N, C-alpha and C. Protein backbone atom coordinates (compact mmCIF):
# COMPACT_ATOMS: atom_id res chain seq x y z
N UNK A 1 1.11 -1.04 0.10
CA UNK A 1 -0.04 -0.04 0.02
C UNK A 1 0.87 1.25 0.26
N UNK A 2 0.82 2.15 -0.75
CA UNK A 2 1.58 3.10 -0.92
C UNK A 2 1.10 4.47 -0.05
N UNK A 3 1.79 5.16 0.38
CA UNK A 3 1.75 6.17 1.25
C UNK A 3 0.85 7.02 1.24
N UNK A 4 0.36 7.55 -0.03
CA UNK A 4 -0.66 8.13 -0.19
C UNK A 4 -2.23 8.14 0.07
N UNK A 5 -2.27 6.46 -0.08
CA UNK A 5 -3.58 5.55 -0.01
C UNK A 5 -3.50 5.42 1.51
N UNK A 6 -2.41 5.26 2.16
CA UNK A 6 -2.53 4.61 3.47
C UNK A 6 -3.07 6.30 4.59
N UNK A 7 -2.42 7.54 3.98
CA UNK A 7 -3.11 8.81 4.27
C UNK A 7 -4.26 9.19 3.87
N UNK A 8 -4.55 8.42 2.79
CA UNK A 8 -6.07 8.88 2.61
C UNK A 8 -7.08 7.94 3.28
N UNK A 9 -6.28 6.83 3.78
CA UNK A 9 -7.12 5.31 4.66
C UNK A 9 -7.14 6.33 6.22
N UNK A 10 -6.42 7.22 6.65
CA UNK A 10 -6.24 7.92 7.63
C UNK A 10 -7.01 9.37 7.75
N UNK A 11 -7.58 9.88 7.10
CA UNK A 11 -8.10 10.85 6.65
C UNK A 11 -9.64 10.44 6.86
N UNK A 12 -9.79 9.10 6.03
CA UNK A 12 -11.44 8.87 6.01
C UNK A 12 -11.69 8.31 7.25
N UNK A 13 -10.51 7.53 7.63
CA UNK A 13 -10.90 7.09 9.46
C UNK A 13 -11.23 8.04 10.23
N UNK A 14 -10.32 9.31 10.32
CA UNK A 14 -10.50 10.49 11.01
C UNK A 14 -12.25 11.09 10.84
N UNK A 15 -12.44 11.02 9.66
CA UNK A 15 -13.57 11.68 9.31
C UNK A 15 -15.03 10.56 10.08
N UNK A 16 -14.74 9.29 9.80
CA UNK A 16 -15.73 8.45 10.16
C UNK A 16 -15.67 8.53 11.80
N UNK A 17 -14.67 9.01 12.85
CA UNK A 17 -14.79 8.89 14.00
C UNK A 17 -15.84 10.17 14.29
N UNK A 18 -15.36 10.98 13.37
CA UNK A 18 -15.94 12.36 13.60
C UNK A 18 -17.40 12.46 13.48
N UNK A 19 -17.87 11.65 12.46
CA UNK A 19 -19.26 11.60 12.26
C UNK A 19 -19.96 10.91 13.75
N UNK A 20 -19.32 9.65 14.10
CA UNK A 20 -19.97 8.88 14.71
C UNK A 20 -19.94 9.74 16.27
N UNK A 21 -19.13 10.49 16.63
CA UNK A 21 -19.20 11.19 17.93
C UNK A 21 -19.91 12.41 17.47
N UNK A 22 -20.31 12.65 16.58
CA UNK A 22 -21.13 13.81 16.88
C UNK A 22 -22.59 13.70 16.67
N UNK A 23 -23.39 14.54 16.79
CA UNK A 23 -24.74 14.44 17.29
C UNK A 23 -25.22 14.88 15.77
N UNK A 24 -24.37 15.64 15.03
CA UNK A 24 -25.43 16.46 14.17
C UNK A 24 -24.04 17.08 13.23
N UNK A 25 -24.41 17.31 12.04
CA UNK A 25 -23.63 17.93 11.23
C UNK A 25 -24.25 18.88 9.94
N UNK A 26 -23.67 19.61 9.63
CA UNK A 26 -24.17 20.71 8.36
C UNK A 26 -22.68 20.96 7.67
N UNK A 27 -23.10 20.77 6.24
CA UNK A 27 -22.31 20.98 5.29
C UNK A 27 -22.25 22.09 4.36
N UNK A 28 -21.26 23.11 4.47
CA UNK A 28 -21.58 24.15 3.46
C UNK A 28 -20.89 24.47 2.52
N UNK A 29 -20.97 25.23 1.07
CA UNK A 29 -20.25 25.82 0.42
C UNK A 29 -19.52 26.58 0.58
N UNK A 30 -17.92 26.90 0.69
CA UNK A 30 -17.45 27.95 1.03
C UNK A 30 -16.99 28.92 0.25
N UNK A 31 -17.35 28.49 -1.10
CA UNK A 31 -16.61 29.44 -1.99
C UNK A 31 -16.95 30.82 -1.79
N UNK A 32 -16.02 31.51 -1.85
CA UNK A 32 -16.40 33.02 -1.82
C UNK A 32 -15.87 33.63 -0.59
N UNK A 33 -15.87 33.10 0.23
CA UNK A 33 -15.57 33.50 1.66
C UNK A 33 -13.94 33.97 1.82
N UNK A 34 -13.56 34.89 2.32
CA UNK A 34 -12.41 35.71 2.21
C UNK A 34 -11.94 34.88 3.30
N UNK A 35 -10.27 35.08 3.74
CA UNK A 35 -9.67 34.34 4.61
C UNK A 35 -9.93 34.49 6.05
N UNK A 36 -10.67 36.43 5.92
CA UNK A 36 -10.84 36.79 7.18
C UNK A 36 -12.37 36.08 8.00
N UNK A 37 -13.18 36.11 6.71
CA UNK A 37 -14.45 35.73 7.25
C UNK A 37 -14.49 34.10 7.78
N UNK A 38 -13.46 32.96 7.14
CA UNK A 38 -13.20 31.81 7.16
C UNK A 38 -12.62 32.02 8.51
N UNK A 39 -12.09 32.67 8.73
CA UNK A 39 -11.43 32.80 10.14
C UNK A 39 -12.53 32.62 11.42
N UNK A 40 -13.36 34.02 10.92
CA UNK A 40 -13.59 34.43 11.84
C UNK A 40 -15.13 33.40 12.25
N UNK A 41 -15.32 32.23 11.03
CA UNK A 41 -16.01 31.68 11.05
C UNK A 41 -15.38 30.18 12.16
N UNK A 42 -14.20 30.02 11.78
CA UNK A 42 -13.39 28.96 12.57
C UNK A 42 -13.48 29.43 14.20
N UNK A 43 -13.47 30.62 14.25
CA UNK A 43 -13.41 31.42 15.99
C UNK A 43 -14.99 30.98 16.49
N UNK A 44 -15.80 31.40 15.60
CA UNK A 44 -17.71 31.22 16.01
C UNK A 44 -17.36 30.06 16.35
N UNK A 45 -17.22 28.52 15.82
CA UNK A 45 -17.12 27.31 15.71
C UNK A 45 -16.75 26.94 17.26
N UNK A 46 -15.47 27.68 17.42
CA UNK A 46 -14.78 27.03 18.50
C UNK A 46 -15.48 27.70 19.52
N UNK A 47 -15.84 28.79 19.93
CA UNK A 47 -16.10 29.17 20.73
C UNK A 47 -17.13 28.21 21.51
N UNK A 48 -18.21 27.74 20.45
CA UNK A 48 -19.51 27.30 20.30
C UNK A 48 -19.36 25.62 20.85
N UNK A 49 -18.33 25.02 20.65
CA UNK A 49 -17.78 23.90 20.98
C UNK A 49 -18.59 23.15 19.23
N UNK A 50 -18.33 23.51 18.33
CA UNK A 50 -18.36 22.88 17.32
C UNK A 50 -16.97 22.62 16.54
N UNK A 51 -17.14 21.32 15.74
CA UNK A 51 -15.97 21.50 14.78
C UNK A 51 -15.91 21.53 13.37
N UNK A 52 -15.19 22.41 12.91
CA UNK A 52 -15.14 22.90 11.59
C UNK A 52 -13.98 22.17 10.73
N UNK A 53 -13.89 22.00 9.86
CA UNK A 53 -13.10 21.22 8.73
C UNK A 53 -13.91 21.78 7.36
N UNK A 54 -12.37 21.78 6.74
CA UNK A 54 -12.52 21.70 5.14
C UNK A 54 -12.02 20.23 4.53
N UNK A 55 -12.71 19.68 3.95
CA UNK A 55 -12.67 18.24 3.80
C UNK A 55 -12.94 17.93 2.18
N UNK A 56 -12.39 16.83 1.92
CA UNK A 56 -11.87 16.58 0.08
C UNK A 56 -13.89 15.93 0.11
N UNK A 57 -14.66 15.70 -0.89
CA UNK A 57 -15.55 15.09 -0.80
C UNK A 57 -15.45 13.89 -1.37
N UNK A 58 -14.61 13.55 -2.33
CA UNK A 58 -14.15 12.03 -1.94
C UNK A 58 -13.81 11.35 -0.77
N UNK A 59 -13.24 12.20 0.10
CA UNK A 59 -12.94 11.44 1.46
C UNK A 59 -14.43 11.18 2.13
N UNK A 60 -15.09 12.49 2.09
CA UNK A 60 -16.53 12.53 2.81
C UNK A 60 -17.14 11.14 1.97
N UNK A 61 -17.32 11.16 1.13
CA UNK A 61 -17.97 10.34 0.49
C UNK A 61 -17.44 8.88 0.90
N UNK A 62 -16.03 8.75 1.05
CA UNK A 62 -16.16 6.93 1.14
C UNK A 62 -16.12 6.61 2.70
N UNK A 63 -15.96 7.89 3.61
CA UNK A 63 -16.94 7.91 5.34
C UNK A 63 -18.17 7.35 5.39
N UNK A 64 -19.07 8.25 4.39
CA UNK A 64 -20.06 8.30 4.49
C UNK A 64 -20.72 6.75 4.20
N UNK A 65 -20.09 6.01 2.87
CA UNK A 65 -20.35 5.09 2.52
C UNK A 65 -19.70 3.79 3.35
N UNK A 66 -18.64 4.14 4.11
CA UNK A 66 -18.45 2.83 4.77
C UNK A 66 -19.45 2.64 6.16
N UNK A 67 -19.81 3.95 6.27
CA UNK A 67 -20.86 3.92 7.98
C UNK A 67 -22.13 3.71 7.34
N UNK A 68 -22.45 3.27 5.90
CA UNK A 68 -23.81 2.96 5.57
C UNK A 68 -24.90 4.28 5.62
N UNK A 69 -24.31 5.20 5.15
CA UNK A 69 -25.37 6.46 5.43
C UNK A 69 -25.50 6.99 3.78
N UNK A 70 -26.60 6.92 3.50
CA UNK A 70 -26.78 7.10 1.78
C UNK A 70 -27.87 8.73 2.04
N UNK A 71 -27.50 9.19 0.80
CA UNK A 71 -28.05 10.20 0.43
C UNK A 71 -27.02 11.57 0.38
N UNK A 72 -25.99 11.33 0.73
CA UNK A 72 -25.07 12.73 0.56
C UNK A 72 -24.73 12.76 -0.62
N UNK A 73 -24.67 11.85 -1.97
CA UNK A 73 -24.01 12.19 -3.14
C UNK A 73 -24.45 13.46 -3.60
N UNK A 74 -26.18 13.69 -3.62
CA UNK A 74 -25.96 14.64 -4.67
C UNK A 74 -25.31 16.02 -4.34
N UNK A 75 -24.93 16.41 -2.68
CA UNK A 75 -24.36 17.47 -1.83
C UNK A 75 -22.76 17.51 -2.29
N UNK A 76 -22.15 16.53 -2.61
CA UNK A 76 -20.90 16.62 -2.52
C UNK A 76 -20.44 16.68 -3.98
N UNK A 77 -20.27 17.91 -4.05
CA UNK A 77 -19.84 18.84 -5.35
C UNK A 77 -19.61 20.44 -4.92
N UNK A 78 -18.57 20.39 -5.34
CA UNK A 78 -17.77 22.00 -4.98
C UNK A 78 -16.96 21.84 -3.55
N UNK A 79 -16.32 22.76 -3.07
CA UNK A 79 -15.80 22.86 -2.48
C UNK A 79 -16.92 22.35 -0.74
N UNK A 80 -16.17 22.25 -0.20
CA UNK A 80 -16.89 21.59 1.34
C UNK A 80 -16.60 21.62 2.63
N UNK A 81 -17.01 22.02 3.74
CA UNK A 81 -16.50 22.57 4.84
C UNK A 81 -17.78 21.67 5.42
N UNK A 82 -17.44 21.15 6.52
CA UNK A 82 -18.40 20.35 7.53
C UNK A 82 -18.03 21.18 9.21
N UNK A 83 -19.49 20.97 9.26
CA UNK A 83 -19.11 21.75 11.11
C UNK A 83 -20.18 20.56 11.69
N UNK A 84 -19.49 19.57 12.83
CA UNK A 84 -19.51 18.69 13.07
C UNK A 84 -20.23 19.32 14.90
N UNK A 85 -21.60 18.97 15.13
CA UNK A 85 -21.82 19.25 16.63
C UNK A 85 -21.70 18.23 17.49
N UNK A 86 -21.04 18.46 18.36
CA UNK A 86 -20.58 17.33 19.15
C UNK A 86 -21.44 17.48 20.59
N UNK A 87 -21.62 18.77 21.08
CA UNK A 87 -22.24 19.05 22.49
C UNK A 87 -23.82 19.13 22.09
N UNK A 88 -24.05 19.91 21.10
CA UNK A 88 -25.15 20.45 21.09
C UNK A 88 -25.41 20.10 19.22
N UNK A 89 -26.73 19.60 19.46
CA UNK A 89 -27.10 18.94 17.40
C UNK A 89 -27.30 20.13 17.07
N UNK A 90 -28.05 21.06 17.73
CA UNK A 90 -28.55 22.29 16.98
C UNK A 90 -27.62 23.45 16.70
N UNK A 91 -26.45 23.86 16.96
CA UNK A 91 -25.40 24.81 17.18
C UNK A 91 -24.86 24.67 15.76
N UNK A 92 -24.50 23.15 14.93
CA UNK A 92 -23.85 24.42 13.58
C UNK A 92 -25.19 24.17 12.79
N UNK A 93 -26.16 24.74 12.97
CA UNK A 93 -27.29 24.51 12.05
C UNK A 93 -27.84 25.87 12.76
N UNK A 94 -27.47 26.41 13.55
CA UNK A 94 -27.41 27.67 13.89
C UNK A 94 -26.68 28.52 13.81
N UNK A 95 -25.28 28.29 14.08
CA UNK A 95 -24.24 28.99 13.42
C UNK A 95 -24.11 29.07 12.59
N UNK A 96 -24.37 28.01 11.72
CA UNK A 96 -23.68 28.62 9.93
C UNK A 96 -25.00 29.48 9.35
N UNK A 97 -26.18 29.00 9.93
CA UNK A 97 -27.52 29.87 9.49
C UNK A 97 -27.26 31.44 9.99
N UNK A 98 -26.88 31.53 10.68
CA UNK A 98 -26.68 32.56 11.27
C UNK A 98 -25.61 33.74 10.56
N UNK A 99 -24.28 33.03 10.50
CA UNK A 99 -23.31 33.22 9.49
C UNK A 99 -23.19 33.75 8.31
N UNK A 100 -24.38 32.70 7.59
CA UNK A 100 -24.88 32.87 6.05
C UNK A 100 -25.46 34.46 5.78
N UNK A 101 -26.50 34.47 6.83
CA UNK A 101 -27.42 35.60 6.84
C UNK A 101 -26.68 36.84 6.89
N UNK A 102 -25.00 36.91 7.37
CA UNK A 102 -24.64 38.01 7.72
C UNK A 102 -23.23 38.39 6.39
N UNK A 103 -22.87 37.13 5.98
CA UNK A 103 -21.91 37.57 4.94
C UNK A 103 -22.34 37.50 3.44
N UNK A 104 -23.86 36.51 3.07
CA UNK A 104 -24.35 36.57 2.50
C UNK A 104 -23.54 36.21 1.07
N UNK A 105 -22.26 35.07 1.38
CA UNK A 105 -21.66 34.37 0.08
C UNK A 105 -21.67 33.35 -0.26
N UNK A 106 -22.31 32.67 0.81
CA UNK A 106 -21.87 31.06 1.21
C UNK A 106 -23.33 30.63 0.93
N UNK A 107 -23.83 29.14 0.96
CA UNK A 107 -25.10 28.47 0.98
C UNK A 107 -25.05 27.10 1.91
N UNK A 108 -25.88 26.79 2.47
CA UNK A 108 -25.81 25.70 3.10
C UNK A 108 -26.19 24.21 2.42
N UNK A 109 -25.55 23.40 2.18
CA UNK A 109 -25.25 22.27 1.35
C UNK A 109 -26.98 21.33 1.78
N UNK A 110 -26.62 20.73 3.02
CA UNK A 110 -27.12 19.70 3.48
C UNK A 110 -26.77 19.48 5.47
N UNK A 111 -27.29 18.60 5.84
CA UNK A 111 -27.36 18.66 6.98
C UNK A 111 -27.27 17.28 7.52
N UNK A 112 -27.18 16.50 8.39
CA UNK A 112 -27.53 15.40 9.07
C UNK A 112 -27.47 15.33 10.37
N UNK A 113 -28.83 14.11 10.77
CA UNK A 113 -28.95 14.17 12.26
C UNK A 113 -29.74 13.18 12.47
N UNK A 114 -29.75 12.22 13.52
CA UNK A 114 -30.66 11.20 13.82
C UNK A 114 -30.61 10.04 12.63
N UNK A 115 -29.60 9.65 11.95
CA UNK A 115 -29.55 9.15 10.66
C UNK A 115 -30.04 9.28 9.77
N UNK A 116 -30.53 10.96 9.54
CA UNK A 116 -30.97 11.51 8.29
C UNK A 116 -30.51 12.32 7.88
N UNK A 117 -30.08 12.44 6.57
CA UNK A 117 -29.63 13.15 5.58
C UNK A 117 -30.85 14.25 5.51
N UNK A 118 -30.58 16.02 5.57
CA UNK A 118 -31.46 17.13 5.69
C UNK A 118 -31.20 18.33 4.48
N UNK A 119 -32.01 18.89 3.71
CA UNK A 119 -31.70 19.22 2.53
C UNK A 119 -31.59 20.43 3.31
N UNK A 120 -31.35 21.67 2.75
CA UNK A 120 -31.53 23.07 3.21
C UNK A 120 -32.11 23.19 3.90
N UNK A 121 -33.45 23.49 3.41
CA UNK A 121 -34.94 23.63 4.21
C UNK A 121 -34.88 22.78 5.56
N UNK A 122 -34.51 21.96 5.80
CA UNK A 122 -34.33 20.93 6.76
C UNK A 122 -33.29 21.31 8.05
N UNK A 123 -32.50 21.70 7.74
CA UNK A 123 -31.22 22.39 8.42
C UNK A 123 -31.61 23.68 8.37
N UNK A 124 -32.53 24.75 7.91
CA UNK A 124 -33.02 26.12 8.47
C UNK A 124 -34.16 25.67 9.62
N UNK A 125 -34.76 24.53 9.05
CA UNK A 125 -36.08 24.77 10.39
C UNK A 125 -35.02 24.11 11.57
N UNK A 126 -34.26 23.53 11.55
CA UNK A 126 -32.92 23.13 12.77
C UNK A 126 -33.01 24.45 13.26
N UNK A 127 -32.06 25.31 12.79
CA UNK A 127 -31.60 26.61 13.48
C UNK A 127 -32.39 27.33 13.88
N UNK A 128 -33.98 27.42 13.21
CA UNK A 128 -34.99 27.94 14.08
C UNK A 128 -35.71 27.24 15.26
N UNK A 129 -34.90 26.10 15.64
CA UNK A 129 -35.71 25.54 16.78
C UNK A 129 -35.29 26.94 18.24
N UNK A 130 -36.36 27.16 19.18
CA UNK A 130 -35.64 27.83 19.91
C UNK A 130 -34.52 27.12 21.31
N UNK A 131 -33.84 27.42 21.65
CA UNK A 131 -32.88 27.17 22.41
C UNK A 131 -33.45 25.60 23.22
N UNK A 132 -32.18 24.66 23.74
CA UNK A 132 -33.10 23.50 24.74
C UNK A 132 -33.54 23.99 25.72
N UNK A 133 -33.31 24.87 26.49
CA UNK A 133 -33.44 25.50 27.60
C UNK A 133 -35.15 25.99 27.59
N UNK A 134 -35.14 26.92 26.42
CA UNK A 134 -36.85 27.68 26.16
C UNK A 134 -37.80 25.98 26.09
N UNK A 135 -37.54 25.11 25.32
CA UNK A 135 -38.27 23.95 25.05
C UNK A 135 -38.47 23.13 26.18
N UNK A 136 -37.54 23.23 27.37
CA UNK A 136 -37.94 22.34 28.56
C UNK A 136 -38.97 23.21 29.12
N UNK A 137 -38.69 24.52 29.42
CA UNK A 137 -39.68 25.40 30.33
C UNK A 137 -40.90 24.94 29.36
N UNK A 138 -41.23 25.20 28.30
CA UNK A 138 -42.27 25.34 27.70
C UNK A 138 -43.03 23.90 28.13
N UNK A 139 -42.14 22.82 27.83
CA UNK A 139 -43.06 21.67 28.17
C UNK A 139 -43.50 21.29 29.50
N UNK A 140 -42.57 21.89 30.75
CA UNK A 140 -42.82 21.82 32.21
C UNK A 140 -43.77 22.76 32.40
N UNK A 141 -44.21 24.07 31.74
CA UNK A 141 -44.93 24.73 31.43
C UNK A 141 -46.12 24.29 31.55
N UNK A 142 -46.80 23.19 29.89
CA UNK A 142 -47.82 22.63 29.68
C UNK A 142 -48.11 21.47 30.42
N UNK A 143 -46.89 20.79 31.28
CA UNK A 143 -47.28 19.74 32.23
C UNK A 143 -47.85 20.25 33.51
N UNK A 144 -47.43 21.08 33.73
CA UNK A 144 -47.57 22.30 35.00
C UNK A 144 -49.53 22.82 34.88
N UNK A 145 -49.42 23.25 33.56
CA UNK A 145 -50.32 23.98 33.53
C UNK A 145 -52.15 23.03 34.33
N UNK A 146 -51.83 22.26 33.71
CA UNK A 146 -53.38 21.12 34.10
C UNK A 146 -53.00 20.90 35.80
N UNK A 147 -52.10 21.02 36.73
CA UNK A 147 -52.29 20.61 38.02
C UNK A 147 -52.79 22.11 38.75
N UNK A 148 -51.83 23.30 38.01
CA UNK A 148 -52.16 24.44 38.54
C UNK A 148 -53.86 24.68 38.52
N UNK A 149 -54.57 24.11 37.16
CA UNK A 149 -55.87 24.26 37.24
C UNK A 149 -56.68 23.48 37.93
N UNK A 150 -56.16 22.38 38.65
CA UNK A 150 -56.84 21.58 39.56
C UNK A 150 -56.62 22.06 40.73
N UNK A 151 -55.59 22.61 41.51
CA UNK A 151 -55.03 23.10 42.73
C UNK A 151 -56.41 24.39 42.54
N UNK A 152 -56.33 25.25 41.33
CA UNK A 152 -57.95 26.75 41.47
C UNK A 152 -58.93 25.60 41.76
N UNK A 153 -59.88 24.58 41.04
CA UNK A 153 -60.30 24.23 41.25
C UNK A 153 -61.15 23.87 43.31
N UNK A 154 -59.86 22.56 43.01
CA UNK A 154 -60.22 22.52 44.50
C UNK A 154 -59.84 23.62 45.65
N UNK A 155 -59.22 24.16 45.66
CA UNK A 155 -59.62 25.81 46.50
C UNK A 155 -60.48 26.46 46.22
N UNK A 156 -61.09 26.51 45.24
CA UNK A 156 -62.21 27.48 44.69
C UNK A 156 -63.23 26.54 45.45
N UNK A 157 -63.60 25.74 45.67
CA UNK A 157 -64.65 24.69 46.55
C UNK A 157 -64.90 24.98 48.30
N UNK A 158 -63.67 24.94 48.60
CA UNK A 158 -64.01 25.47 50.30
C UNK A 158 -64.14 26.72 50.30
N UNK A 159 -63.26 27.73 49.28
CA UNK A 159 -63.75 28.93 49.52
C UNK A 159 -65.32 29.44 49.18
N UNK A 160 -66.09 29.03 48.07
CA UNK A 160 -67.30 28.94 47.41
C UNK A 160 -68.22 28.37 49.14
N UNK A 161 -67.61 27.15 49.45
CA UNK A 161 -68.51 26.76 50.72
C UNK A 161 -68.55 27.98 51.95
N UNK A 162 -67.28 28.43 52.07
CA UNK A 162 -67.11 29.14 53.25
C UNK A 162 -67.87 30.65 52.74
N UNK A 163 -67.86 31.08 51.89
CA UNK A 163 -68.75 32.45 50.97
C UNK A 163 -70.55 31.80 51.61
N UNK A 164 -70.62 30.34 51.01
CA UNK A 164 -72.17 30.51 51.45
C UNK A 164 -72.55 30.46 52.70
N UNK A 165 -71.60 29.81 53.20
CA UNK A 165 -71.99 29.75 55.07
C UNK A 165 -71.97 31.13 55.32
N UNK A 166 -71.19 31.56 55.29
CA UNK A 166 -71.37 33.58 55.72
C UNK A 166 -72.50 33.98 55.26
N UNK A 167 -72.72 33.63 54.08
CA UNK A 167 -73.91 34.39 53.58
C UNK A 167 -75.20 34.02 54.42
N UNK A 168 -75.32 32.67 54.71
CA UNK A 168 -75.95 32.40 55.67
C UNK A 168 -76.77 32.83 56.91
N UNK A 169 -75.35 32.96 57.53
CA UNK A 169 -74.73 33.21 58.70
C UNK A 169 -75.80 34.67 58.93
N UNK A 170 -74.85 35.45 58.07
CA UNK A 170 -75.44 37.08 57.67
C UNK A 170 -77.17 37.22 57.82
N UNK A 171 -77.57 36.67 56.91
CA UNK A 171 -79.00 36.14 56.47
C UNK A 171 -79.87 36.03 58.15
N UNK A 172 -79.55 34.73 58.78
CA UNK A 172 -80.15 34.35 59.93
C UNK A 172 -79.77 35.66 61.32
N UNK A 173 -78.70 36.01 61.28
CA UNK A 173 -78.15 37.31 62.38
C UNK A 173 -78.89 38.42 61.70
N UNK A 174 -79.60 38.45 60.40
CA UNK A 174 -80.09 39.94 60.07
C UNK A 174 -79.08 40.80 59.80
N UNK A 175 -78.36 40.44 59.38
CA UNK A 175 -76.91 41.81 59.03
C UNK A 175 -77.62 41.98 57.69
């Protein structure tokens, strides 16, 4: 085996490992970005715990094929950069979506999450999700509402009984 093929195999192995560890990933076409903009994107990724790599399409294709992932083929044309969401599955989608809105020079190719390849619209929908904490708060609030209503109804029963008894007492005493 030649040095070149060993190096390619190592790169494919590294990509497979990154995909396996990531909760999600987003691919963009980075054409048109200046060095300063790419550096800014890398810094944002680092701050949010997102791994950002520029990779060759053939290496990505070999890695996803080895992992049994299908559906990437149409998106692997032109320059490709990938953001791997290791800690937060939504972070790469939000980060790229916001960055692209600011620079207006590139576009999202596709994404991958929970065993499914997402088109650009799917990645945008993912980016528009509220933060995890907000979703949990909404869920807890909706779970708490029926309990709060039940407590209100149960506390209203004795209260109305007390008001009724007080009205009867006033009526009997002539007040």
